[in-house]
Amino acid sequence: MPSLDGATEWLNTPPLTAEGLRGRVVAVDFWTYTCINWLRTAPYVRAWHEAYGDAGAVVLGVHTPEFSFEAAIGNVRRAVEDLEVRYPVAVDSGYAIWTAFTNMYWPALYVVDVEGSIRFTHFGEGAYAESEHVIRQLLAEAGRGDALPPPVTVEAHGIEIGANWAKLGSAENYLGAERTDNFASPERAAVGTPCRYTVPARLAPNDWALAGLWTVQPDAVQLQEPGGTVAVRFRGRDVNLVLAPPPDGSRADFVVRLDGRRVGGDSGDDVDDDGGGTLVEPRLYQLIRQRGPITDRTFEISFHNPGVRAFAFTFG
């Protein structure tokens, strides 16, 4: 197990070391709080912490930020509280632990035996039963088999519910210039310069576009005047978007539409039936959860306040 010395801060625990964890089975979970793929694993990780702590296992979350605001310790503390993360968390804002593990993914699970050897890895969602089986097997090898509870039963809620993979036809897409695909506004994107954009009359599947005065940044798009819109043509049950309120910390109102109409019962957790919502902190916002048949649809979000930033769409 690589060193944990690069942690910039520790939450829910005094500082831990790889050497000090010898004798325990350790499930090291790399995460970042806006990542939908990690959020959908979170109920299982929490359950393993609750089920196997008394038997000698330690769940260790390593929070390594993807977006710059995820490096702010206040934002990480709030996420740990809001997401009910009760196990130890190493804050890895400098990517030191990430680098020590030569990790490349969110989420990533490394299960370490009592001798400190990594015995199992899994990247991304899924393999929950297999991962738990390894934890149980390593505890049994360490002589803790008599202390094991039954395998966990997990019931996810809200944004943590797994994707509808059979109907999902849209992949994650970043909006910043460095990693975006399928930008469809007819105006050429001007990175770092405010520019007025328009949404074409028709969007092809998985195309996205801007309307209004926006600045395209390397990792996001930032609205320069009230009334700007982001639109995307998608196929999926859910629409999620990583958003941040204006830099001055003020709240920012928005409204969403599906195919130009109010969302009604298809609203996500962060939207009312009329499509309204408010940005209060930088995080992932669940904007749509469809209750009916899944088809290609056009999603739009319009903002009443300048200064908001949009980072990445994810779907479910």
C-alpha atoms as a PDB file:
ATOM      1  CA  MET A   1       0.000   0.000   0.000  1.00  0.00           C
ATOM      2  CA  PRO A   2       1.540   3.335  -1.027  1.00  0.00           C
ATOM      3  CA  SER A   3       2.175   6.183   1.388  1.00  0.00           C
ATOM      4  CA  LEU A   4      -0.624   8.428   2.620  1.00  0.00           C
ATOM      5  CA  ASP A   5       1.791  11.176   3.649  1.00  0.00           C
ATOM      6  CA  GLY A   6       0.686  13.530   0.887  1.00  0.00           C
ATOM      7  CA  ALA A   7      -2.747  14.198   2.391  1.00  0.00           C
ATOM      8  CA  THR A   8      -3.298  17.932   2.840  1.00  0.00           C
ATOM      9  CA  GLU A   9      -5.882  17.361   5.565  1.00  0.00           C
ATOM     10  CA  TRP A  10      -7.790  14.561   7.267  1.00  0.00           C
ATOM     11  CA  LEU A  11     -11.532  14.454   7.947  1.00  0.00           C
ATOM     12  CA  ASN A  12     -13.393  12.191  10.389  1.00  0.00           C
ATOM     13  CA  THR A  13     -10.084  10.905  11.786  1.00  0.00           C
ATOM     14  CA  PRO A  14      -6.624  11.870  13.033  1.00  0.00           C
ATOM     15  CA  PRO A  15      -3.958  11.426  10.329  1.00  0.00           C
ATOM     16  CA  LEU A  16      -3.503   7.821   9.223  1.00  0.00           C
ATOM     17  CA  THR A  17      -0.422   6.109   7.789  1.00  0.00           C
ATOM     18  CA  ALA A  18       0.007   3.049   5.632  1.00  0.00           C
ATOM     19  CA  GLU A  19       2.168   1.488   8.331  1.00  0.00           C
ATOM     20  CA  GLY A  20      -0.367   2.275  11.039  1.00  0.00           C
ATOM     21  CA  LEU A  21      -3.082   0.499   9.069  1.00  0.00           C
ATOM     22  CA  ARG A  22      -1.169  -2.783   8.975  1.00  0.00           C
ATOM     23  CA  GLY A  23      -3.285  -5.466  10.587  1.00  0.00           C
ATOM     24  CA  ARG A  24      -6.482  -4.046   9.102  1.00  0.00           C
ATOM     25  CA  VAL A  25      -8.171  -4.794   5.807  1.00  0.00           C
ATOM     26  CA  VAL A  26      -8.347  -1.413   4.069  1.00  0.00           C
ATOM     27  CA  ALA A  27     -10.725  -0.436   1.260  1.00  0.00           C
ATOM     28  CA  VAL A  28      -9.195   2.684  -0.333  1.00  0.00           C
ATOM     29  CA  ASP A  29     -11.850   4.560  -2.309  1.00  0.00           C
ATOM     30  CA  PHE A  30     -10.758   7.431  -4.581  1.00  0.00           C
ATOM     31  CA  TRP A  31     -13.575   9.919  -5.067  1.00  0.00           C
ATOM     32  CA  THR A  32     -14.466  13.495  -5.855  1.00  0.00           C
ATOM     33  CA  TYR A  33     -17.761  14.886  -4.735  1.00  0.00           C
ATOM     34  CA  THR A  34     -19.220  16.016  -8.087  1.00  0.00           C
ATOM     35  CA  CYS A  35     -18.559  12.697  -9.836  1.00  0.00           C
ATOM     36  CA  ILE A  36     -21.838  10.945 -10.711  1.00  0.00           C
ATOM     37  CA  ASN A  37     -20.022   7.629 -11.122  1.00  0.00           C
ATOM     38  CA  TRP A  38     -18.761   7.873  -7.544  1.00  0.00           C
ATOM     39  CA  LEU A  39     -22.085   9.137  -6.194  1.00  0.00           C
ATOM     40  CA  ARG A  40     -23.777   6.004  -7.489  1.00  0.00           C
ATOM     41  CA  THR A  41     -21.223   3.843  -5.611  1.00  0.00           C
ATOM     42  CA  ALA A  42     -21.531   5.813  -2.367  1.00  0.00           C
ATOM     43  CA  PRO A  43     -24.359   3.746  -0.781  1.00  0.00           C
ATOM     44  CA  TYR A  44     -22.225   0.610  -1.054  1.00  0.00           C
ATOM     45  CA  VAL A  45     -19.081   2.248   0.319  1.00  0.00           C
ATOM     46  CA  ARG A  46     -21.035   3.637   3.283  1.00  0.00           C
ATOM     47  CA  ALA A  47     -22.581   0.217   3.885  1.00  0.00           C
ATOM     48  CA  TRP A  48     -19.189  -1.517   3.917  1.00  0.00           C
ATOM     49  CA  HIS A  49     -17.922   0.990   6.457  1.00  0.00           C
ATOM     50  CA  GLU A  50     -20.900   0.364   8.723  1.00  0.00           C
ATOM     51  CA  ALA A  51     -20.888  -3.413   8.319  1.00  0.00           C
ATOM     52  CA  TYR A  52     -17.217  -4.324   8.568  1.00  0.00           C
ATOM     53  CA  GLY A  53     -15.589  -1.776  10.855  1.00  0.00           C
ATOM     54  CA  ASP A  54     -16.067  -3.930  13.949  1.00  0.00           C
ATOM     55  CA  ALA A  55     -14.620  -6.931  12.102  1.00  0.00           C
ATOM     56  CA  GLY A  56     -11.331  -5.173  11.394  1.00  0.00           C
ATOM     57  CA  ALA A  57     -11.875  -3.369   8.078  1.00  0.00           C
ATOM     58  CA  VAL A  58     -11.246   0.317   7.398  1.00  0.00           C
ATOM     59  CA  VAL A  59     -12.874   2.202   4.561  1.00  0.00           C
ATOM     60  CA  LEU A  60     -10.584   5.079   3.597  1.00  0.00           C
ATOM     61  CA  GLY A  61     -11.893   7.726   1.225  1.00  0.00           C
ATOM     62  CA  VAL A  62      -9.275   9.665  -0.739  1.00  0.00           C
ATOM     63  CA  HIS A  63     -10.834  12.873  -2.041  1.00  0.00           C
ATOM     64  CA  THR A  64      -8.873  14.006  -5.095  1.00  0.00           C
ATOM     65  CA  PRO A  65     -10.479  16.989  -6.874  1.00  0.00           C
ATOM     66  CA  GLU A  66     -11.402  17.069 -10.545  1.00  0.00           C
ATOM     67  CA  PHE A  67     -12.507  20.723 -10.653  1.00  0.00           C
ATOM     68  CA  SER A  68     -10.669  23.563  -8.919  1.00  0.00           C
ATOM     69  CA  PHE A  69     -13.512  24.330  -6.503  1.00  0.00           C
ATOM     70  CA  GLU A  70     -13.356  20.734  -5.231  1.00  0.00           C
ATOM     71  CA  ALA A  71      -9.926  21.528  -3.780  1.00  0.00           C
ATOM     72  CA  ALA A  72     -11.441  24.089  -1.377  1.00  0.00           C
ATOM     73  CA  ILE A  73     -11.561  22.415   2.026  1.00  0.00           C
ATOM     74  CA  GLY A  74     -14.822  24.126   2.956  1.00  0.00           C
ATOM     75  CA  ASN A  75     -16.521  22.570  -0.055  1.00  0.00           C
ATOM     76  CA  VAL A  76     -15.105  19.138   0.790  1.00  0.00           C
ATOM     77  CA  ARG A  77     -16.250  19.431   4.412  1.00  0.00           C
ATOM     78  CA  ARG A  78     -19.762  20.357   3.290  1.00  0.00           C
ATOM     79  CA  ALA A  79     -19.866  17.453   0.842  1.00  0.00           C
ATOM     80  CA  VAL A  80     -18.703  14.996   3.507  1.00  0.00           C
ATOM     81  CA  GLU A  81     -21.527  16.178   5.767  1.00  0.00           C
ATOM     82  CA  ASP A  82     -24.222  16.340   3.070  1.00  0.00           C
ATOM     83  CA  LEU A  83     -23.338  12.933   1.632  1.00  0.00           C
ATOM     84  CA  GLU A  84     -23.121  11.297   5.084  1.00  0.00           C
ATOM     85  CA  VAL A  85     -19.527  10.181   4.636  1.00  0.00           C
ATOM     86  CA  ARG A  86     -18.663   8.960   8.131  1.00  0.00           C
ATOM     87  CA  TYR A  87     -15.487   7.011   7.383  1.00  0.00           C
ATOM     88  CA  PRO A  88     -11.954   8.527   7.339  1.00  0.00           C
ATOM     89  CA  VAL A  89     -11.209  10.843   4.421  1.00  0.00           C
ATOM     90  CA  ALA A  90      -7.742  11.857   3.242  1.00  0.00           C
ATOM     91  CA  VAL A  91      -7.969  15.201   1.440  1.00  0.00           C
ATOM     92  CA  ASP A  92      -5.665  14.787  -1.551  1.00  0.00           C
ATOM     93  CA  SER A  93      -5.896  18.220  -3.148  1.00  0.00           C
ATOM     94  CA  GLY A  94      -2.294  18.035  -4.375  1.00  0.00           C
ATOM     95  CA  TYR A  95      -2.759  14.618  -6.044  1.00  0.00           C
ATOM     96  CA  ALA A  96       0.051  13.137  -3.950  1.00  0.00           C
ATOM     97  CA  ILE A  97      -1.824   9.978  -2.916  1.00  0.00           C
ATOM     98  CA  TRP A  98      -3.380   9.683  -6.372  1.00  0.00           C
ATOM     99  CA  THR A  99       0.152   9.721  -7.830  1.00  0.00           C
ATOM    100  CA  ALA A 100       1.512   7.294  -5.241  1.00  0.00           C
ATOM    101  CA  PHE A 101      -1.172   4.782  -6.268  1.00  0.00           C
ATOM    102  CA  THR A 102      -0.634   5.639  -9.974  1.00  0.00           C
ATOM    103  CA  ASN A 103      -4.403   6.028 -10.049  1.00  0.00           C
ATOM    104  CA  MET A 104      -6.269   7.356 -13.083  1.00  0.00           C
ATOM    105  CA  TYR A 105      -9.973   7.056 -12.243  1.00  0.00           C
ATOM    106  CA  TRP A 106     -12.918   8.280 -10.182  1.00  0.00           C
ATOM    107  CA  PRO A 107     -14.091   6.142  -8.547  1.00  0.00           C
ATOM    108  CA  ALA A 108     -11.311   3.656  -7.946  1.00  0.00           C
ATOM    109  CA  LEU A 109     -11.292   0.960  -5.276  1.00  0.00           C
ATOM    110  CA  TYR A 110      -8.138  -0.689  -3.922  1.00  0.00           C
ATOM    111  CA  VAL A 111      -8.579  -3.418  -1.283  1.00  0.00           C
ATOM    112  CA  VAL A 112      -5.494  -3.996   0.875  1.00  0.00           C
ATOM    113  CA  ASP A 113      -4.865  -7.026   3.085  1.00  0.00           C
ATOM    114  CA  VAL A 114      -3.559  -7.001   6.654  1.00  0.00           C
ATOM    115  CA  GLU A 115       0.037  -7.278   5.410  1.00  0.00           C
ATOM    116  CA  GLY A 116      -0.351  -4.079   3.383  1.00  0.00           C
ATOM    117  CA  SER A 117      -0.575  -5.714  -0.055  1.00  0.00           C
ATOM    118  CA  ILE A 118      -3.137  -4.558  -2.618  1.00  0.00           C
ATOM    119  CA  ARG A 119      -5.174  -7.660  -3.408  1.00  0.00           C
ATOM    120  CA  PHE A 120      -8.019  -6.259  -5.524  1.00  0.00           C
ATOM    121  CA  THR A 121      -8.762  -3.231  -7.665  1.00  0.00           C
ATOM    122  CA  HIS A 122     -11.872  -2.020  -9.450  1.00  0.00           C
ATOM    123  CA  PHE A 123     -12.377   1.145 -11.474  1.00  0.00           C
ATOM    124  CA  GLY A 124     -15.752   2.772 -12.061  1.00  0.00           C
ATOM    125  CA  GLU A 125     -19.199   1.656 -11.015  1.00  0.00           C
ATOM    126  CA  GLY A 126     -20.385  -1.900 -10.460  1.00  0.00           C
ATOM    127  CA  ALA A 127     -18.718  -5.087  -9.155  1.00  0.00           C
ATOM    128  CA  TYR A 128     -20.243  -4.400  -5.733  1.00  0.00           C
ATOM    129  CA  ALA A 129     -20.787  -8.042  -4.795  1.00  0.00           C
ATOM    130  CA  GLU A 130     -17.306  -8.968  -6.004  1.00  0.00           C
ATOM    131  CA  SER A 131     -15.713  -6.094  -4.074  1.00  0.00           C
ATOM    132  CA  GLU A 132     -17.557  -6.995  -0.889  1.00  0.00           C
ATOM    133  CA  HIS A 133     -16.632 -10.658  -1.320  1.00  0.00           C
ATOM    134  CA  VAL A 134     -12.949  -9.680  -1.406  1.00  0.00           C
ATOM    135  CA  ILE A 135     -13.304  -7.617   1.783  1.00  0.00           C
ATOM    136  CA  ARG A 136     -14.988 -10.545   3.516  1.00  0.00           C
ATOM    137  CA  GLN A 137     -12.419 -13.029   2.189  1.00  0.00           C
ATOM    138  CA  LEU A 138      -9.470 -10.956   3.421  1.00  0.00           C
ATOM    139  CA  LEU A 139     -11.095 -10.545   6.834  1.00  0.00           C
ATOM    140  CA  ALA A 140     -11.615 -14.306   6.989  1.00  0.00           C
ATOM    141  CA  GLU A 141      -7.969 -14.895   6.026  1.00  0.00           C
ATOM    142  CA  ALA A 142      -7.007 -12.646   8.934  1.00  0.00           C
ATOM    143  CA  GLY A 143      -9.015 -14.787  11.349  1.00  0.00           C
ATOM    144  CA  ARG A 144     -12.014 -12.442  11.582  1.00  0.00           C
ATOM    145  CA  GLY A 145     -14.483 -14.741   9.840  1.00  0.00           C
ATOM    146  CA  ASP A 146     -16.510 -15.371  12.990  1.00  0.00           C
ATOM    147  CA  ALA A 147     -17.131 -11.619  13.355  1.00  0.00           C
ATOM    148  CA  LEU A 148     -18.572 -11.092   9.900  1.00  0.00           C
ATOM    149  CA  PRO A 149     -22.161  -9.925   9.518  1.00  0.00           C
ATOM    150  CA  PRO A 150     -24.275 -11.020   6.533  1.00  0.00           C
ATOM    151  CA  PRO A 151     -23.491  -9.313   3.213  1.00  0.00           C
ATOM    152  CA  VAL A 152     -24.916  -5.831   3.037  1.00  0.00           C
ATOM    153  CA  THR A 153     -28.257  -4.922   1.531  1.00  0.00           C
ATOM    154  CA  VAL A 154     -28.225  -1.529  -0.183  1.00  0.00           C
ATOM    155  CA  GLU A 155     -31.175   0.629  -1.222  1.00  0.00           C
ATOM    156  CA  ALA A 156     -30.081   3.748  -3.086  1.00  0.00           C
ATOM    157  CA  HIS A 157     -32.113   6.948  -3.225  1.00  0.00           C
ATOM    158  CA  GLY A 158     -32.161  10.150  -5.257  1.00  0.00           C
ATOM    159  CA  ILE A 159     -29.094  10.928  -7.293  1.00  0.00           C
ATOM    160  CA  GLU A 160     -27.364   7.787  -5.944  1.00  0.00           C
ATOM    161  CA  ILE A 161     -29.693   5.431  -7.830  1.00  0.00           C
ATOM    162  CA  GLY A 162     -27.821   3.577 -10.547  1.00  0.00           C
ATOM    163  CA  ALA A 163     -28.178   4.621 -14.172  1.00  0.00           C
ATOM    164  CA  ASN A 164     -30.765   3.096 -16.495  1.00  0.00           C
ATOM    165  CA  TRP A 165     -28.018   1.574 -18.620  1.00  0.00           C
ATOM    166  CA  ALA A 166     -30.384  -0.176 -21.026  1.00  0.00           C
ATOM    167  CA  LYS A 167     -31.895   3.155 -22.136  1.00  0.00           C
ATOM    168  CA  LEU A 168     -28.878   5.427 -21.735  1.00  0.00           C
ATOM    169  CA  GLY A 169     -27.658   6.884 -25.013  1.00  0.00           C
ATOM    170  CA  SER A 170     -25.652   9.928 -23.908  1.00  0.00           C
ATOM    171  CA  ALA A 171     -22.178  10.012 -22.392  1.00  0.00           C
ATOM    172  CA  GLU A 172     -20.615  12.492 -19.993  1.00  0.00           C
ATOM    173  CA  ASN A 173     -19.534  15.688 -21.722  1.00  0.00           C
ATOM    174  CA  TYR A 174     -17.423  18.563 -20.430  1.00  0.00           C
ATOM    175  CA  LEU A 175     -18.277  22.126 -21.458  1.00  0.00           C
ATOM    176  CA  GLY A 176     -14.857  23.728 -21.083  1.00  0.00           C
ATOM    177  CA  ALA A 177     -12.669  24.069 -24.163  1.00  0.00           C
ATOM    178  CA  GLU A 178     -10.087  21.516 -23.033  1.00  0.00           C
ATOM    179  CA  ARG A 179     -12.321  18.436 -23.145  1.00  0.00           C
ATOM    180  CA  THR A 180     -15.622  19.185 -24.835  1.00  0.00           C
ATOM    181  CA  ASP A 181     -17.230  17.357 -27.752  1.00  0.00           C
ATOM    182  CA  ASN A 182     -20.159  18.156 -30.053  1.00  0.00           C
ATOM    183  CA  PHE A 183     -20.364  21.931 -29.499  1.00  0.00           C
ATOM    184  CA  ALA A 184     -23.037  22.975 -31.989  1.00  0.00           C
ATOM    185  CA  SER A 185     -23.506  26.747 -31.705  1.00  0.00           C
ATOM    186  CA  PRO A 186     -22.848  28.178 -35.180  1.00  0.00           C
ATOM    187  CA  GLU A 187     -20.448  30.744 -33.724  1.00  0.00           C
ATOM    188  CA  ARG A 188     -16.867  29.577 -33.313  1.00  0.00           C
ATOM    189  CA  ALA A 189     -15.941  29.190 -29.634  1.00  0.00           C
ATOM    190  CA  ALA A 190     -13.688  32.050 -28.504  1.00  0.00           C
ATOM    191  CA  VAL A 191     -11.728  30.746 -25.523  1.00  0.00           C
ATOM    192  CA  GLY A 192     -11.197  33.330 -22.808  1.00  0.00           C
ATOM    193  CA  THR A 193     -13.196  36.050 -24.571  1.00  0.00           C
ATOM    194  CA  PRO A 194     -16.887  36.934 -24.037  1.00  0.00           C
ATOM    195  CA  CYS A 195     -18.847  36.008 -27.139  1.00  0.00           C
ATOM    196  CA  ARG A 196     -22.521  35.930 -28.037  1.00  0.00           C
ATOM    197  CA  TYR A 197     -23.733  32.476 -29.005  1.00  0.00           C
ATOM    198  CA  THR A 198     -26.976  31.042 -30.373  1.00  0.00           C
ATOM    199  CA  VAL A 199     -28.640  27.622 -30.259  1.00  0.00           C
ATOM    200  CA  PRO A 200     -29.316  26.196 -33.736  1.00  0.00           C
ATOM    201  CA  ALA A 201     -32.878  25.386 -34.714  1.00  0.00           C
ATOM    202  CA  ARG A 202     -32.102  21.682 -34.504  1.00  0.00           C
ATOM    203  CA  LEU A 203     -29.606  19.812 -32.357  1.00  0.00           C
ATOM    204  CA  ALA A 204     -28.315  16.413 -33.421  1.00  0.00           C
ATOM    205  CA  PRO A 205     -28.154  13.666 -30.757  1.00  0.00           C
ATOM    206  CA  ASN A 206     -25.612  14.552 -28.049  1.00  0.00           C
ATOM    207  CA  ASP A 207     -24.941  18.017 -29.493  1.00  0.00           C
ATOM    208  CA  TRP A 208     -24.916  20.938 -27.088  1.00  0.00           C
ATOM    209  CA  ALA A 209     -24.984  24.696 -27.580  1.00  0.00           C
ATOM    210  CA  LEU A 210     -25.010  28.071 -25.839  1.00  0.00           C
ATOM    211  CA  ALA A 211     -27.320  31.077 -26.178  1.00  0.00           C
ATOM    212  CA  GLY A 212     -26.396  34.492 -24.807  1.00  0.00           C
ATOM    213  CA  LEU A 213     -23.125  36.119 -23.807  1.00  0.00           C
ATOM    214  CA  TRP A 214     -20.701  33.517 -22.457  1.00  0.00           C
ATOM    215  CA  THR A 215     -16.977  33.125 -21.903  1.00  0.00           C
ATOM    216  CA  VAL A 216     -15.658  29.690 -22.796  1.00  0.00           C
ATOM    217  CA  GLN A 217     -12.972  28.792 -20.266  1.00  0.00           C
ATOM    218  CA  PRO A 218     -10.617  25.786 -20.263  1.00  0.00           C
ATOM    219  CA  ASP A 219     -12.764  23.852 -17.769  1.00  0.00           C
ATOM    220  CA  ALA A 220     -16.188  25.555 -17.907  1.00  0.00           C
ATOM    221  CA  VAL A 221     -18.399  28.146 -19.568  1.00  0.00           C
ATOM    222  CA  GLN A 222     -19.230  31.315 -17.613  1.00  0.00           C
ATOM    223  CA  LEU A 223     -22.280  33.497 -18.219  1.00  0.00           C
ATOM    224  CA  GLN A 224     -21.610  37.218 -18.670  1.00  0.00           C
ATOM    225  CA  GLU A 225     -25.173  38.624 -18.602  1.00  0.00           C
ATOM    226  CA  PRO A 226     -28.613  37.471 -17.396  1.00  0.00           C
ATOM    227  CA  GLY A 227     -30.667  35.137 -19.522  1.00  0.00           C
ATOM    228  CA  GLY A 228     -28.018  32.803 -20.923  1.00  0.00           C
ATOM    229  CA  THR A 229     -28.965  29.247 -21.857  1.00  0.00           C
ATOM    230  CA  VAL A 230     -27.220  25.876 -22.211  1.00  0.00           C
ATOM    231  CA  ALA A 231     -29.013  23.300 -24.369  1.00  0.00           C
ATOM    232  CA  VAL A 232     -28.274  19.639 -25.081  1.00  0.00           C
ATOM    233  CA  ARG A 233     -29.937  16.876 -27.090  1.00  0.00           C
ATOM    234  CA  PHE A 234     -29.798  13.703 -24.991  1.00  0.00           C
ATOM    235  CA  ARG A 235     -31.191  10.261 -24.382  1.00  0.00           C
ATOM    236  CA  GLY A 236     -31.415   9.074 -20.793  1.00  0.00           C
ATOM    237  CA  ARG A 237     -33.530   9.014 -17.672  1.00  0.00           C
ATOM    238  CA  ASP A 238     -31.476  11.655 -15.850  1.00  0.00           C
ATOM    239  CA  VAL A 239     -29.777  14.934 -16.691  1.00  0.00           C
ATOM    240  CA  ASN A 240     -27.148  16.149 -14.207  1.00  0.00           C
ATOM    241  CA  LEU A 241     -24.941  19.196 -14.551  1.00  0.00           C
ATOM    242  CA  VAL A 242     -21.958  20.372 -12.498  1.00  0.00           C
ATOM    243  CA  LEU A 243     -22.663  24.036 -11.752  1.00  0.00           C
ATOM    244  CA  ALA A 244     -21.177  26.810  -9.637  1.00  0.00           C
ATOM    245  CA  PRO A 245     -22.867  30.037  -8.512  1.00  0.00           C
ATOM    246  CA  PRO A 246     -21.220  33.416  -9.203  1.00  0.00           C
ATOM    247  CA  PRO A 247     -17.723  33.884  -7.746  1.00  0.00           C
ATOM    248  CA  ASP A 248     -19.048  36.425  -5.199  1.00  0.00           C
ATOM    249  CA  GLY A 249     -20.966  33.586  -3.545  1.00  0.00           C
ATOM    250  CA  SER A 250     -24.424  34.957  -4.326  1.00  0.00           C
ATOM    251  CA  ARG A 251     -27.274  32.573  -5.067  1.00  0.00           C
ATOM    252  CA  ALA A 252     -28.350  32.189  -8.681  1.00  0.00           C
ATOM    253  CA  ASP A 253     -31.772  31.174  -9.968  1.00  0.00           C
ATOM    254  CA  PHE A 254     -32.373  29.038 -13.041  1.00  0.00           C
ATOM    255  CA  VAL A 255     -35.200  27.396 -14.968  1.00  0.00           C
ATOM    256  CA  VAL A 256     -35.091  24.180 -17.007  1.00  0.00           C
ATOM    257  CA  ARG A 257     -37.255  22.948 -19.879  1.00  0.00           C
ATOM    258  CA  LEU A 258     -37.721  19.686 -21.786  1.00  0.00           C
ATOM    259  CA  ASP A 259     -38.541  20.122 -25.460  1.00  0.00           C
ATOM    260  CA  GLY A 260     -39.455  23.716 -24.669  1.00  0.00           C
ATOM    261  CA  ARG A 261     -42.068  22.807 -22.050  1.00  0.00           C
ATOM    262  CA  ARG A 262     -42.243  22.740 -18.242  1.00  0.00           C
ATOM    263  CA  VAL A 263     -40.751  19.597 -16.746  1.00  0.00           C
ATOM    264  CA  GLY A 264     -43.633  18.712 -14.436  1.00  0.00           C
ATOM    265  CA  GLY A 265     -43.152  15.263 -12.936  1.00  0.00           C
ATOM    266  CA  ASP A 266     -39.836  14.808 -14.744  1.00  0.00           C
ATOM    267  CA  SER A 267     -38.057  17.250 -12.438  1.00  0.00           C
ATOM    268  CA  GLY A 268     -34.887  16.172 -10.674  1.00  0.00           C
ATOM    269  CA  ASP A 269     -34.102  16.575  -6.987  1.00  0.00           C
ATOM    270  CA  ASP A 270     -32.836  20.152  -7.475  1.00  0.00           C
ATOM    271  CA  VAL A 271     -35.781  21.398  -9.563  1.00  0.00           C
ATOM    272  CA  ASP A 272     -39.440  22.085  -8.785  1.00  0.00           C
ATOM    273  CA  ASP A 273     -42.315  21.047 -11.060  1.00  0.00           C
ATOM    274  CA  ASP A 274     -42.228  24.417 -12.824  1.00  0.00           C
ATOM    275  CA  GLY A 275     -38.562  23.852 -13.677  1.00  0.00           C
ATOM    276  CA  GLY A 276     -37.163  26.348 -11.198  1.00  0.00           C
ATOM    277  CA  GLY A 277     -34.111  25.952  -9.019  1.00  0.00           C
ATOM    278  CA  THR A 278     -31.311  27.848  -7.291  1.00  0.00           C
ATOM    279  CA  LEU A 279     -27.544  27.437  -7.280  1.00  0.00           C
ATOM    280  CA  VAL A 280     -26.317  27.781  -3.724  1.00  0.00           C
ATOM    281  CA  GLU A 281     -22.964  25.997  -3.863  1.00  0.00           C
ATOM    282  CA  PRO A 282     -20.663  24.416  -6.456  1.00  0.00           C
ATOM    283  CA  ARG A 283     -21.696  20.781  -6.961  1.00  0.00           C
ATOM    284  CA  LEU A 284     -23.521  18.340  -9.204  1.00  0.00           C
ATOM    285  CA  TYR A 285     -27.201  19.264  -9.665  1.00  0.00           C
ATOM    286  CA  GLN A 286     -29.814  16.672 -10.635  1.00  0.00           C
ATOM    287  CA  LEU A 287     -32.081  18.557 -13.037  1.00  0.00           C
ATOM    288  CA  ILE A 288     -34.138  15.863 -14.778  1.00  0.00           C
ATOM    289  CA  ARG A 289     -35.352  12.421 -13.743  1.00  0.00           C
ATOM    290  CA  GLN A 290     -37.833  11.177 -16.310  1.00  0.00           C
ATOM    291  CA  ARG A 291     -40.705   8.983 -15.147  1.00  0.00           C
ATOM    292  CA  GLY A 292     -41.972   8.011 -18.616  1.00  0.00           C
ATOM    293  CA  PRO A 293     -40.535   6.442 -21.771  1.00  0.00           C
ATOM    294  CA  ILE A 294     -36.935   7.360 -22.640  1.00  0.00           C
ATOM    295  CA  THR A 295     -36.509   8.991 -26.058  1.00  0.00           C
ATOM    296  CA  ASP A 296     -34.283  11.659 -27.604  1.00  0.00           C
ATOM    297  CA  ARG A 297     -35.189  14.990 -26.013  1.00  0.00           C
ATOM    298  CA  THR A 298     -33.870  18.533 -25.851  1.00  0.00           C
ATOM    299  CA  PHE A 299     -32.926  19.913 -22.447  1.00  0.00           C
ATOM    300  CA  GLU A 300     -32.416  23.617 -21.775  1.00  0.00           C
ATOM    301  CA  ILE A 301     -31.315  25.475 -18.651  1.00  0.00           C
ATOM    302  CA  SER A 302     -31.492  29.273 -18.470  1.00  0.00           C
ATOM    303  CA  PHE A 303     -29.920  31.408 -15.759  1.00  0.00           C
ATOM    304  CA  HIS A 304     -31.207  34.655 -14.282  1.00  0.00           C
ATOM    305  CA  ASN A 305     -27.839  35.743 -12.866  1.00  0.00           C
ATOM    306  CA  PRO A 306     -24.500  36.440 -14.572  1.00  0.00           C
ATOM    307  CA  GLY A 307     -21.356  34.804 -13.248  1.00  0.00           C
ATOM    308  CA  VAL A 308     -22.632  31.224 -13.080  1.00  0.00           C
ATOM    309  CA  ARG A 309     -20.362  28.517 -14.441  1.00  0.00           C
ATOM    310  CA  ALA A 310     -21.321  25.203 -16.053  1.00  0.00           C
ATOM    311  CA  PHE A 311     -18.717  22.437 -16.103  1.00  0.00           C
ATOM    312  CA  ALA A 312     -20.003  19.054 -17.246  1.00  0.00           C
ATOM    313  CA  PHE A 313     -23.153  17.145 -18.191  1.00  0.00           C
ATOM    314  CA  THR A 314     -23.720  13.605 -16.984  1.00  0.00           C
ATOM    315  CA  PHE A 315     -26.696  11.354 -17.653  1.00  0.00           C
ATOM    316  CA  GLY A 316     -28.277   8.318 -16.079  1.00  0.00           C
END
